[in-house]
Amino acid sequence: MRLLLDTDVFCKLAICGLIEDLTHILGAKLSECGRLPALPYMLKRGRLHNKYGAETCIMLQQIVESIPPIRQPGDEWLEKLAQIEAVDPGEAQLFAVAAQHGLMVITGDKRALLALKAVDGLPSALNGKVVVLEAALIALCNDLGPAKVGQCLQPLSGTDLVIKICFSNSRSDPRECLRSYYSQLATETAPLVLWKP
């Protein structure tokens, strides 16, 4: 396992057909990634099913089948993360596994990242290994071109504020806007060093 996928970012990028492009940029195939064990069940019923609908969730389930679930992390990091209200149990598992095994993790949860910076030893364990959505989109634009990425992201343009703003028709290149969001987040999460595209 080389790369861990947060559920929300996985869903967004998979719906837009960009998840394999991103994992390739980060040096991994989908089969070398890891996801939460509960993800297939979350797509069958519950929040994700209600949010994206049955048809989209069936498509996502087919992609999920090629991604192995993470194993339960050791107690060292999990105990520290489980006590933080801003980090939900699934995120705690992902970040604990990432810290324990030195893996990259893709996440879109800014609230959790702001909390992680205060966990003793975690910023150094995850140094440069946390890929936020803005960094992922910059990397995709660099690789595929802004026009293609913007076209792929159309299904999210009405629901994701960053995508709506950065990929609006008035912008010739969304990377400047994405870099602004990324820089702000990188400052707010210091001393946790985010992956930089």
N, C-alpha and C. Protein backbone atom coordinates (compact mmCIF):
# COMPACT_ATOMS: atom_id res chain seq x y z
N MET A 1 0.85 -1.19 0.00
CA MET A 1 0.00 0.00 0.00
C MET A 1 0.89 1.24 0.00
N ARG A 2 0.58 2.16 -0.93
CA ARG A 2 1.46 3.33 -1.08
C ARG A 2 0.75 4.64 -0.83
N LEU A 3 -0.57 4.64 -0.91
CA LEU A 3 -1.34 5.88 -0.88
C LEU A 3 -2.71 5.62 -0.27
N LEU A 4 -3.13 6.48 0.66
CA LEU A 4 -4.43 6.31 1.33
C LEU A 4 -5.41 7.36 0.82
N LEU A 5 -6.67 6.94 0.64
CA LEU A 5 -7.69 7.81 0.06
C LEU A 5 -8.79 8.12 1.06
N ASP A 6 -8.95 9.38 1.37
CA ASP A 6 -10.07 9.86 2.17
C ASP A 6 -11.35 9.65 1.36
N THR A 7 -12.41 9.28 2.03
CA THR A 7 -13.66 8.94 1.36
C THR A 7 -14.22 10.07 0.51
N ASP A 8 -14.29 11.28 1.05
CA ASP A 8 -14.91 12.39 0.32
C ASP A 8 -14.12 12.77 -0.93
N VAL A 9 -12.81 12.86 -0.82
CA VAL A 9 -11.99 13.20 -1.99
C VAL A 9 -12.04 12.07 -3.01
N PHE A 10 -12.01 10.83 -2.54
CA PHE A 10 -12.15 9.71 -3.47
C PHE A 10 -13.44 9.84 -4.27
N CYS A 11 -14.56 10.07 -3.59
CA CYS A 11 -15.85 10.16 -4.28
C CYS A 11 -15.85 11.30 -5.30
N LYS A 12 -15.38 12.46 -4.89
CA LYS A 12 -15.37 13.61 -5.80
C LYS A 12 -14.56 13.33 -7.06
N LEU A 13 -13.34 12.85 -6.88
CA LEU A 13 -12.47 12.65 -8.03
C LEU A 13 -12.88 11.44 -8.86
N ALA A 14 -13.45 10.43 -8.23
CA ALA A 14 -13.91 9.27 -8.98
C ALA A 14 -15.14 9.62 -9.82
N ILE A 15 -16.05 10.42 -9.26
CA ILE A 15 -17.23 10.85 -10.01
C ILE A 15 -16.81 11.62 -11.26
N CYS A 16 -15.73 12.36 -11.15
CA CYS A 16 -15.25 13.18 -12.27
C CYS A 16 -14.28 12.45 -13.18
N GLY A 17 -14.01 11.19 -12.87
CA GLY A 17 -13.11 10.40 -13.70
C GLY A 17 -11.65 10.78 -13.56
N LEU A 18 -11.27 11.34 -12.40
CA LEU A 18 -9.90 11.83 -12.22
C LEU A 18 -9.09 11.06 -11.17
N ILE A 19 -9.71 10.09 -10.50
CA ILE A 19 -9.02 9.43 -9.39
C ILE A 19 -7.79 8.64 -9.86
N GLU A 20 -7.91 7.94 -10.99
CA GLU A 20 -6.74 7.18 -11.47
C GLU A 20 -5.64 8.10 -11.97
N ASP A 21 -6.02 9.23 -12.57
CA ASP A 21 -5.01 10.20 -13.01
C ASP A 21 -4.22 10.72 -11.81
N LEU A 22 -4.93 11.02 -10.73
CA LEU A 22 -4.25 11.55 -9.54
C LEU A 22 -3.35 10.50 -8.90
N THR A 23 -3.85 9.29 -8.73
CA THR A 23 -3.01 8.27 -8.10
C THR A 23 -1.77 8.00 -8.95
N HIS A 24 -1.92 8.06 -10.27
CA HIS A 24 -0.76 7.88 -11.16
C HIS A 24 0.27 9.00 -10.94
N ILE A 25 -0.21 10.24 -10.84
CA ILE A 25 0.69 11.37 -10.59
C ILE A 25 1.46 11.16 -9.28
N LEU A 26 0.78 10.57 -8.30
CA LEU A 26 1.39 10.35 -6.98
C LEU A 26 2.15 9.03 -6.91
N GLY A 27 2.29 8.35 -8.05
CA GLY A 27 3.12 7.16 -8.11
C GLY A 27 2.48 5.87 -7.67
N ALA A 28 1.17 5.77 -7.79
CA ALA A 28 0.49 4.54 -7.35
C ALA A 28 -0.64 4.17 -8.30
N LYS A 29 -0.89 2.87 -8.41
CA LYS A 29 -2.08 2.37 -9.08
C LYS A 29 -3.19 2.29 -8.03
N LEU A 30 -4.44 2.22 -8.48
CA LEU A 30 -5.54 2.09 -7.52
C LEU A 30 -5.37 0.86 -6.63
N SER A 31 -4.85 -0.21 -7.20
CA SER A 31 -4.66 -1.44 -6.42
C SER A 31 -3.58 -1.29 -5.34
N GLU A 32 -2.78 -0.22 -5.42
CA GLU A 32 -1.75 0.04 -4.42
C GLU A 32 -2.19 1.09 -3.40
N CYS A 33 -3.43 1.52 -3.50
CA CYS A 33 -3.98 2.50 -2.58
C CYS A 33 -4.72 1.79 -1.45
N GLY A 34 -5.15 2.56 -0.48
CA GLY A 34 -5.93 2.02 0.62
C GLY A 34 -7.10 2.93 0.91
N ARG A 35 -8.20 2.34 1.34
CA ARG A 35 -9.41 3.10 1.68
C ARG A 35 -10.00 2.51 2.96
N LEU A 36 -10.96 3.21 3.51
CA LEU A 36 -11.60 2.74 4.74
C LEU A 36 -12.38 1.45 4.47
N PRO A 37 -12.34 0.51 5.38
CA PRO A 37 -13.09 -0.73 5.20
C PRO A 37 -14.59 -0.51 5.05
N ALA A 38 -15.10 0.55 5.64
CA ALA A 38 -16.54 0.80 5.63
C ALA A 38 -17.04 1.43 4.33
N LEU A 39 -16.14 1.85 3.44
CA LEU A 39 -16.56 2.59 2.24
C LEU A 39 -17.59 1.85 1.38
N PRO A 40 -17.44 0.56 1.09
CA PRO A 40 -18.47 -0.11 0.28
C PRO A 40 -19.87 -0.04 0.90
N TYR A 41 -19.93 -0.14 2.23
CA TYR A 41 -21.22 -0.10 2.93
C TYR A 41 -21.79 1.32 2.93
N MET A 42 -20.89 2.31 3.01
CA MET A 42 -21.32 3.71 2.98
C MET A 42 -21.93 4.08 1.62
N LEU A 43 -21.48 3.40 0.57
CA LEU A 43 -22.01 3.66 -0.76
C LEU A 43 -23.36 2.96 -0.99
N LYS A 44 -23.64 1.92 -0.21
CA LYS A 44 -24.89 1.19 -0.38
C LYS A 44 -26.05 1.86 0.36
N ARG A 45 -25.74 2.52 1.45
CA ARG A 45 -26.78 3.23 2.20
C ARG A 45 -26.11 4.28 3.08
N GLY A 46 -26.89 5.23 3.52
CA GLY A 46 -26.34 6.27 4.39
C GLY A 46 -26.04 7.55 3.65
N ARG A 47 -25.15 8.34 4.23
CA ARG A 47 -24.86 9.70 3.77
C ARG A 47 -24.41 9.75 2.31
N LEU A 48 -23.46 8.91 1.92
CA LEU A 48 -22.95 8.96 0.55
C LEU A 48 -24.03 8.55 -0.46
N HIS A 49 -24.79 7.54 -0.11
CA HIS A 49 -25.87 7.07 -0.99
C HIS A 49 -26.91 8.18 -1.17
N ASN A 50 -27.24 8.86 -0.08
CA ASN A 50 -28.22 9.96 -0.16
C ASN A 50 -27.66 11.15 -0.93
N LYS A 51 -26.38 11.41 -0.77
CA LYS A 51 -25.76 12.57 -1.40
C LYS A 51 -25.61 12.40 -2.91
N TYR A 52 -25.15 11.22 -3.34
CA TYR A 52 -24.80 11.03 -4.75
C TYR A 52 -25.84 10.24 -5.55
N GLY A 53 -26.72 9.53 -4.87
CA GLY A 53 -27.74 8.76 -5.57
C GLY A 53 -27.28 7.35 -5.90
N ALA A 54 -28.25 6.47 -6.14
CA ALA A 54 -27.97 5.04 -6.34
C ALA A 54 -27.08 4.78 -7.55
N GLU A 55 -27.37 5.43 -8.67
CA GLU A 55 -26.63 5.16 -9.91
C GLU A 55 -25.14 5.51 -9.77
N THR A 56 -24.87 6.68 -9.21
CA THR A 56 -23.48 7.11 -9.01
C THR A 56 -22.78 6.19 -8.02
N CYS A 57 -23.48 5.80 -6.96
CA CYS A 57 -22.86 4.94 -5.95
C CYS A 57 -22.54 3.56 -6.50
N ILE A 58 -23.35 3.05 -7.42
CA ILE A 58 -23.04 1.77 -8.06
C ILE A 58 -21.75 1.89 -8.86
N MET A 59 -21.59 3.01 -9.57
CA MET A 59 -20.36 3.25 -10.33
C MET A 59 -19.16 3.35 -9.38
N LEU A 60 -19.33 4.06 -8.28
CA LEU A 60 -18.24 4.20 -7.31
C LEU A 60 -17.88 2.85 -6.68
N GLN A 61 -18.89 2.01 -6.42
CA GLN A 61 -18.64 0.69 -5.83
C GLN A 61 -17.74 -0.15 -6.74
N GLN A 62 -17.93 -0.02 -8.04
CA GLN A 62 -17.10 -0.79 -8.98
C GLN A 62 -15.64 -0.36 -8.89
N ILE A 63 -15.40 0.92 -8.70
CA ILE A 63 -14.02 1.41 -8.55
C ILE A 63 -13.45 0.97 -7.21
N VAL A 64 -14.27 1.05 -6.16
CA VAL A 64 -13.84 0.69 -4.81
C VAL A 64 -13.38 -0.76 -4.74
N GLU A 65 -13.98 -1.63 -5.54
CA GLU A 65 -13.61 -3.05 -5.53
C GLU A 65 -12.14 -3.27 -5.88
N SER A 66 -11.54 -2.33 -6.61
CA SER A 66 -10.13 -2.48 -6.99
C SER A 66 -9.17 -1.88 -5.96
N ILE A 67 -9.72 -1.29 -4.90
CA ILE A 67 -8.88 -0.64 -3.88
C ILE A 67 -8.98 -1.43 -2.57
N PRO A 68 -7.87 -1.95 -2.08
CA PRO A 68 -7.93 -2.73 -0.84
C PRO A 68 -8.22 -1.86 0.39
N PRO A 69 -8.90 -2.44 1.38
CA PRO A 69 -9.14 -1.69 2.63
C PRO A 69 -7.86 -1.62 3.46
N ILE A 70 -7.75 -0.58 4.24
CA ILE A 70 -6.61 -0.47 5.16
C ILE A 70 -6.80 -1.47 6.30
N ARG A 71 -5.70 -1.84 6.91
CA ARG A 71 -5.77 -2.67 8.11
C ARG A 71 -5.84 -1.77 9.33
N GLN A 72 -6.33 -2.32 10.41
CA GLN A 72 -6.43 -1.57 11.66
C GLN A 72 -5.04 -1.10 12.08
N PRO A 73 -4.88 0.21 12.32
CA PRO A 73 -3.56 0.71 12.75
C PRO A 73 -3.24 0.31 14.18
N GLY A 74 -1.97 0.43 14.54
CA GLY A 74 -1.56 0.20 15.92
C GLY A 74 -2.10 1.30 16.82
N ASP A 75 -1.95 1.09 18.11
CA ASP A 75 -2.54 2.02 19.09
C ASP A 75 -1.78 3.34 19.23
N GLU A 76 -0.49 3.35 18.88
CA GLU A 76 0.34 4.53 19.14
C GLU A 76 -0.31 5.83 18.63
N TRP A 77 -0.66 5.86 17.34
CA TRP A 77 -1.25 7.08 16.77
C TRP A 77 -2.75 7.11 16.95
N LEU A 78 -3.38 5.96 16.88
CA LEU A 78 -4.84 5.92 16.95
C LEU A 78 -5.36 6.46 18.28
N GLU A 79 -4.69 6.14 19.36
CA GLU A 79 -5.12 6.64 20.68
C GLU A 79 -5.03 8.16 20.76
N LYS A 80 -3.98 8.73 20.17
CA LYS A 80 -3.84 10.19 20.17
C LYS A 80 -4.93 10.84 19.32
N LEU A 81 -5.22 10.24 18.17
CA LEU A 81 -6.18 10.84 17.24
C LEU A 81 -7.62 10.63 17.67
N ALA A 82 -7.91 9.54 18.35
CA ALA A 82 -9.28 9.22 18.76
C ALA A 82 -9.82 10.23 19.77
N GLN A 83 -8.94 10.94 20.43
CA GLN A 83 -9.36 11.90 21.47
C GLN A 83 -9.70 13.27 20.88
N ILE A 84 -9.49 13.47 19.58
CA ILE A 84 -9.69 14.78 18.98
C ILE A 84 -11.06 14.84 18.32
N GLU A 85 -11.89 15.75 18.79
CA GLU A 85 -13.26 15.86 18.31
C GLU A 85 -13.35 16.19 16.82
N ALA A 86 -12.42 16.97 16.31
CA ALA A 86 -12.45 17.41 14.91
C ALA A 86 -12.05 16.30 13.93
N VAL A 87 -11.56 15.19 14.45
CA VAL A 87 -11.12 14.08 13.60
C VAL A 87 -12.09 12.92 13.81
N ASP A 88 -12.85 12.57 12.76
CA ASP A 88 -13.82 11.49 12.93
C ASP A 88 -13.09 10.14 12.94
N PRO A 89 -13.76 9.07 13.37
CA PRO A 89 -13.09 7.77 13.51
C PRO A 89 -12.43 7.25 12.22
N GLY A 90 -13.07 7.47 11.09
CA GLY A 90 -12.48 7.03 9.82
C GLY A 90 -11.20 7.78 9.50
N GLU A 91 -11.23 9.09 9.68
CA GLU A 91 -10.03 9.90 9.44
C GLU A 91 -8.92 9.51 10.40
N ALA A 92 -9.30 9.24 11.65
CA ALA A 92 -8.31 8.83 12.65
C ALA A 92 -7.59 7.57 12.18
N GLN A 93 -8.34 6.61 11.63
CA GLN A 93 -7.72 5.39 11.10
C GLN A 93 -6.76 5.70 9.95
N LEU A 94 -7.21 6.52 9.00
CA LEU A 94 -6.37 6.85 7.84
C LEU A 94 -5.08 7.54 8.26
N PHE A 95 -5.20 8.56 9.10
CA PHE A 95 -4.01 9.31 9.51
C PHE A 95 -3.08 8.45 10.38
N ALA A 96 -3.66 7.59 11.21
CA ALA A 96 -2.84 6.70 12.04
C ALA A 96 -2.05 5.73 11.17
N VAL A 97 -2.70 5.14 10.17
CA VAL A 97 -2.00 4.22 9.26
C VAL A 97 -0.93 4.97 8.48
N ALA A 98 -1.26 6.17 8.00
CA ALA A 98 -0.28 6.97 7.26
C ALA A 98 0.94 7.28 8.11
N ALA A 99 0.73 7.69 9.35
CA ALA A 99 1.84 8.02 10.24
C ALA A 99 2.64 6.78 10.61
N GLN A 100 1.95 5.68 10.86
CA GLN A 100 2.61 4.44 11.26
C GLN A 100 3.50 3.88 10.17
N HIS A 101 3.05 3.97 8.91
CA HIS A 101 3.78 3.33 7.81
C HIS A 101 4.44 4.32 6.85
N GLY A 102 4.38 5.62 7.15
CA GLY A 102 5.01 6.62 6.30
C GLY A 102 4.37 6.74 4.93
N LEU A 103 3.03 6.65 4.87
CA LEU A 103 2.30 6.69 3.61
C LEU A 103 1.72 8.07 3.34
N MET A 104 1.50 8.35 2.06
CA MET A 104 0.80 9.57 1.69
C MET A 104 -0.70 9.35 1.90
N VAL A 105 -1.40 10.44 2.21
CA VAL A 105 -2.84 10.37 2.38
C VAL A 105 -3.48 11.58 1.69
N ILE A 106 -4.52 11.30 0.90
CA ILE A 106 -5.25 12.37 0.21
C ILE A 106 -6.48 12.69 1.04
N THR A 107 -6.65 13.96 1.38
CA THR A 107 -7.79 14.35 2.23
C THR A 107 -8.32 15.71 1.82
N GLY A 108 -9.58 15.92 2.13
CA GLY A 108 -10.19 17.21 1.89
C GLY A 108 -10.72 17.84 3.16
N ASP A 109 -10.43 17.20 4.30
CA ASP A 109 -11.00 17.67 5.56
C ASP A 109 -10.09 18.68 6.25
N LYS A 110 -10.38 19.95 6.01
CA LYS A 110 -9.54 21.02 6.56
C LYS A 110 -9.66 21.10 8.09
N ARG A 111 -10.84 20.84 8.60
CA ARG A 111 -11.06 20.89 10.05
C ARG A 111 -10.15 19.87 10.75
N ALA A 112 -10.08 18.66 10.19
CA ALA A 112 -9.21 17.64 10.77
C ALA A 112 -7.74 18.04 10.68
N LEU A 113 -7.34 18.60 9.54
CA LEU A 113 -5.94 19.00 9.36
C LEU A 113 -5.52 20.07 10.36
N LEU A 114 -6.42 21.00 10.63
CA LEU A 114 -6.11 22.05 11.61
C LEU A 114 -5.92 21.45 13.00
N ALA A 115 -6.63 20.36 13.29
CA ALA A 115 -6.49 19.70 14.58
C ALA A 115 -5.22 18.84 14.64
N LEU A 116 -4.84 18.26 13.50
CA LEU A 116 -3.68 17.36 13.47
C LEU A 116 -2.38 18.07 13.82
N LYS A 117 -2.29 19.34 13.47
CA LYS A 117 -1.02 20.05 13.68
C LYS A 117 -0.62 20.11 15.15
N ALA A 118 -1.60 19.91 16.05
CA ALA A 118 -1.32 19.99 17.48
C ALA A 118 -1.04 18.63 18.12
N VAL A 119 -1.14 17.55 17.35
CA VAL A 119 -0.90 16.21 17.90
C VAL A 119 0.60 15.96 17.98
N ASP A 120 1.07 15.69 19.17
CA ASP A 120 2.49 15.52 19.41
C ASP A 120 3.12 14.49 18.47
N GLY A 121 4.10 14.93 17.69
CA GLY A 121 4.84 14.05 16.79
C GLY A 121 4.20 13.81 15.44
N LEU A 122 2.92 14.12 15.29
CA LEU A 122 2.24 13.82 14.03
C LEU A 122 2.70 14.69 12.86
N PRO A 123 2.90 16.01 13.06
CA PRO A 123 3.39 16.81 11.93
C PRO A 123 4.68 16.26 11.31
N SER A 124 5.61 15.81 12.14
CA SER A 124 6.86 15.27 11.58
C SER A 124 6.62 13.89 10.93
N ALA A 125 5.71 13.09 11.48
CA ALA A 125 5.42 11.77 10.90
C ALA A 125 4.74 11.90 9.55
N LEU A 126 3.96 12.96 9.36
CA LEU A 126 3.23 13.17 8.10
C LEU A 126 3.85 14.26 7.22
N ASN A 127 5.08 14.65 7.52
CA ASN A 127 5.76 15.74 6.82
C ASN A 127 5.76 15.52 5.31
N GLY A 128 5.05 16.40 4.57
CA GLY A 128 5.01 16.34 3.12
C GLY A 128 4.19 15.20 2.54
N LYS A 129 3.44 14.49 3.38
CA LYS A 129 2.69 13.31 2.93
C LYS A 129 1.18 13.53 2.86
N VAL A 130 0.70 14.71 3.25
CA VAL A 130 -0.73 15.00 3.22
C VAL A 130 -1.05 15.78 1.94
N VAL A 131 -1.86 15.17 1.09
CA VAL A 131 -2.24 15.78 -0.19
C VAL A 131 -3.65 16.33 -0.05
N VAL A 132 -3.78 17.66 -0.05
CA VAL A 132 -5.11 18.27 0.06
C VAL A 132 -5.72 18.41 -1.34
N LEU A 133 -7.02 18.58 -1.39
CA LEU A 133 -7.73 18.64 -2.67
C LEU A 133 -7.16 19.72 -3.60
N GLU A 134 -6.85 20.89 -3.05
CA GLU A 134 -6.32 21.98 -3.88
C GLU A 134 -5.00 21.58 -4.54
N ALA A 135 -4.12 20.91 -3.78
CA ALA A 135 -2.84 20.46 -4.34
C ALA A 135 -3.08 19.39 -5.41
N ALA A 136 -4.04 18.51 -5.15
CA ALA A 136 -4.39 17.47 -6.12
C ALA A 136 -4.87 18.09 -7.43
N LEU A 137 -5.71 19.11 -7.32
CA LEU A 137 -6.24 19.76 -8.53
C LEU A 137 -5.15 20.51 -9.29
N ILE A 138 -4.22 21.13 -8.58
CA ILE A 138 -3.09 21.79 -9.24
C ILE A 138 -2.27 20.76 -10.01
N ALA A 139 -1.98 19.64 -9.36
CA ALA A 139 -1.19 18.57 -10.01
C ALA A 139 -1.92 18.03 -11.23
N LEU A 140 -3.23 17.86 -11.13
CA LEU A 140 -4.01 17.37 -12.27
C LEU A 140 -3.99 18.38 -13.42
N CYS A 141 -4.11 19.68 -13.09
CA CYS A 141 -4.03 20.72 -14.12
C CYS A 141 -2.66 20.73 -14.79
N ASN A 142 -1.61 20.55 -14.00
CA ASN A 142 -0.26 20.51 -14.56
C ASN A 142 -0.09 19.33 -15.52
N ASP A 143 -0.71 18.22 -15.19
CA ASP A 143 -0.55 17.00 -15.96
C ASP A 143 -1.49 16.91 -17.17
N LEU A 144 -2.76 17.25 -16.95
CA LEU A 144 -3.78 17.07 -17.99
C LEU A 144 -4.17 18.36 -18.70
N GLY A 145 -3.82 19.48 -18.10
CA GLY A 145 -4.23 20.78 -18.63
C GLY A 145 -5.48 21.29 -17.92
N PRO A 146 -5.53 22.59 -17.63
CA PRO A 146 -6.66 23.16 -16.89
C PRO A 146 -8.00 22.96 -17.59
N ALA A 147 -8.03 23.05 -18.92
CA ALA A 147 -9.30 22.93 -19.64
C ALA A 147 -9.91 21.54 -19.45
N LYS A 148 -9.08 20.52 -19.58
CA LYS A 148 -9.60 19.14 -19.43
C LYS A 148 -10.06 18.90 -18.00
N VAL A 149 -9.28 19.34 -17.01
CA VAL A 149 -9.65 19.14 -15.62
C VAL A 149 -10.96 19.88 -15.32
N GLY A 150 -11.06 21.12 -15.79
CA GLY A 150 -12.30 21.88 -15.59
C GLY A 150 -13.50 21.19 -16.18
N GLN A 151 -13.32 20.61 -17.34
CA GLN A 151 -14.40 19.87 -18.00
C GLN A 151 -14.81 18.65 -17.16
N CYS A 152 -13.82 17.92 -16.67
CA CYS A 152 -14.10 16.74 -15.84
C CYS A 152 -14.81 17.10 -14.54
N LEU A 153 -14.50 18.28 -14.00
CA LEU A 153 -15.05 18.69 -12.70
C LEU A 153 -16.47 19.26 -12.79
N GLN A 154 -17.03 19.35 -13.97
CA GLN A 154 -18.36 19.93 -14.14
C GLN A 154 -19.41 19.34 -13.19
N PRO A 155 -19.43 18.03 -12.93
CA PRO A 155 -20.44 17.49 -12.02
C PRO A 155 -20.39 18.08 -10.60
N LEU A 156 -19.24 18.66 -10.22
CA LEU A 156 -19.09 19.21 -8.87
C LEU A 156 -19.19 20.72 -8.81
N SER A 157 -19.31 21.37 -9.95
CA SER A 157 -19.25 22.83 -9.99
C SER A 157 -20.38 23.50 -9.22
N GLY A 158 -21.47 22.81 -9.00
CA GLY A 158 -22.57 23.40 -8.25
C GLY A 158 -22.53 23.11 -6.76
N THR A 159 -21.70 22.15 -6.34
CA THR A 159 -21.70 21.73 -4.93
C THR A 159 -20.40 22.01 -4.18
N ASP A 160 -19.28 22.13 -4.88
CA ASP A 160 -17.99 22.36 -4.23
C ASP A 160 -17.57 23.81 -4.47
N LEU A 161 -17.47 24.59 -3.40
CA LEU A 161 -17.21 26.02 -3.50
C LEU A 161 -15.86 26.33 -4.14
N VAL A 162 -14.80 25.62 -3.73
CA VAL A 162 -13.47 25.87 -4.28
C VAL A 162 -13.47 25.60 -5.78
N ILE A 163 -14.06 24.49 -6.18
CA ILE A 163 -14.13 24.16 -7.61
C ILE A 163 -14.96 25.20 -8.35
N LYS A 164 -16.06 25.60 -7.77
CA LYS A 164 -16.93 26.60 -8.41
C LYS A 164 -16.19 27.91 -8.65
N ILE A 165 -15.44 28.35 -7.64
CA ILE A 165 -14.73 29.63 -7.74
C ILE A 165 -13.52 29.52 -8.68
N CYS A 166 -12.69 28.50 -8.45
CA CYS A 166 -11.43 28.40 -9.20
C CYS A 166 -11.62 28.00 -10.65
N PHE A 167 -12.67 27.26 -10.93
CA PHE A 167 -12.89 26.82 -12.30
C PHE A 167 -14.06 27.55 -12.97
N SER A 168 -14.32 28.77 -12.52
CA SER A 168 -15.38 29.56 -13.14
C SER A 168 -14.96 29.98 -14.55
N ASN A 169 -15.92 30.28 -15.37
CA ASN A 169 -15.65 30.64 -16.78
C ASN A 169 -14.81 31.91 -16.91
N SER A 170 -14.80 32.75 -15.88
CA SER A 170 -14.07 34.02 -15.96
C SER A 170 -12.56 33.84 -15.77
N ARG A 171 -12.13 32.65 -15.33
CA ARG A 171 -10.70 32.42 -15.08
C ARG A 171 -10.07 31.67 -16.25
N SER A 172 -8.96 32.21 -16.72
CA SER A 172 -8.27 31.53 -17.82
C SER A 172 -7.47 30.34 -17.30
N ASP A 173 -6.94 30.45 -16.08
CA ASP A 173 -6.17 29.36 -15.50
C ASP A 173 -6.51 29.24 -14.02
N PRO A 174 -7.14 28.14 -13.62
CA PRO A 174 -7.59 27.99 -12.23
C PRO A 174 -6.45 27.80 -11.23
N ARG A 175 -5.25 27.52 -11.72
CA ARG A 175 -4.15 27.22 -10.80
C ARG A 175 -3.78 28.38 -9.89
N GLU A 176 -3.90 29.60 -10.37
CA GLU A 176 -3.60 30.76 -9.52
C GLU A 176 -4.53 30.80 -8.32
N CYS A 177 -5.80 30.58 -8.57
CA CYS A 177 -6.80 30.56 -7.50
C CYS A 177 -6.55 29.37 -6.55
N LEU A 178 -6.28 28.20 -7.12
CA LEU A 178 -6.01 27.01 -6.31
C LEU A 178 -4.77 27.21 -5.45
N ARG A 179 -3.74 27.85 -6.01
CA ARG A 179 -2.51 28.10 -5.24
C ARG A 179 -2.78 29.04 -4.07
N SER A 180 -3.68 29.98 -4.26
CA SER A 180 -4.04 30.90 -3.18
C SER A 180 -4.70 30.14 -2.02
N TYR A 181 -5.66 29.29 -2.36
CA TYR A 181 -6.31 28.46 -1.33
C TYR A 181 -5.29 27.53 -0.66
N TYR A 182 -4.43 26.92 -1.48
CA TYR A 182 -3.42 26.01 -0.95
C TYR A 182 -2.47 26.73 0.01
N SER A 183 -1.99 27.90 -0.39
CA SER A 183 -1.05 28.65 0.45
C SER A 183 -1.66 29.03 1.79
N GLN A 184 -2.92 29.43 1.75
CA GLN A 184 -3.61 29.79 2.99
C GLN A 184 -3.71 28.58 3.92
N LEU A 185 -4.08 27.45 3.35
CA LEU A 185 -4.20 26.23 4.15
C LEU A 185 -2.85 25.78 4.67
N ALA A 186 -1.82 25.87 3.85
CA ALA A 186 -0.47 25.48 4.28
C ALA A 186 -0.01 26.33 5.46
N THR A 187 -0.36 27.60 5.44
CA THR A 187 -0.01 28.50 6.55
C THR A 187 -0.79 28.12 7.82
N GLU A 188 -2.07 27.86 7.65
CA GLU A 188 -2.93 27.54 8.80
C GLU A 188 -2.59 26.20 9.44
N THR A 189 -2.09 25.25 8.66
CA THR A 189 -1.82 23.92 9.21
C THR A 189 -0.38 23.74 9.70
N ALA A 190 0.48 24.74 9.50
CA ALA A 190 1.86 24.65 9.99
C ALA A 190 1.84 24.42 11.51
N PRO A 191 2.73 23.57 12.01
CA PRO A 191 3.95 23.01 11.42
C PRO A 191 3.74 21.75 10.56
N LEU A 192 2.50 21.31 10.36
CA LEU A 192 2.26 20.21 9.43
C LEU A 192 2.57 20.70 8.02
N VAL A 193 3.49 20.02 7.34
CA VAL A 193 3.89 20.42 5.99
C VAL A 193 3.10 19.60 4.98
N LEU A 194 2.31 20.28 4.17
CA LEU A 194 1.48 19.62 3.17
C LEU A 194 2.32 19.25 1.94
N TRP A 195 1.86 18.23 1.22
CA TRP A 195 2.48 17.87 -0.06
C TRP A 195 2.30 19.02 -1.04
N LYS A 196 3.36 19.36 -1.74
CA LYS A 196 3.30 20.48 -2.67
C LYS A 196 3.45 19.98 -4.10
N PRO A 197 2.50 20.33 -4.98
CA PRO A 197 2.59 19.87 -6.37
C PRO A 197 3.70 20.58 -7.13
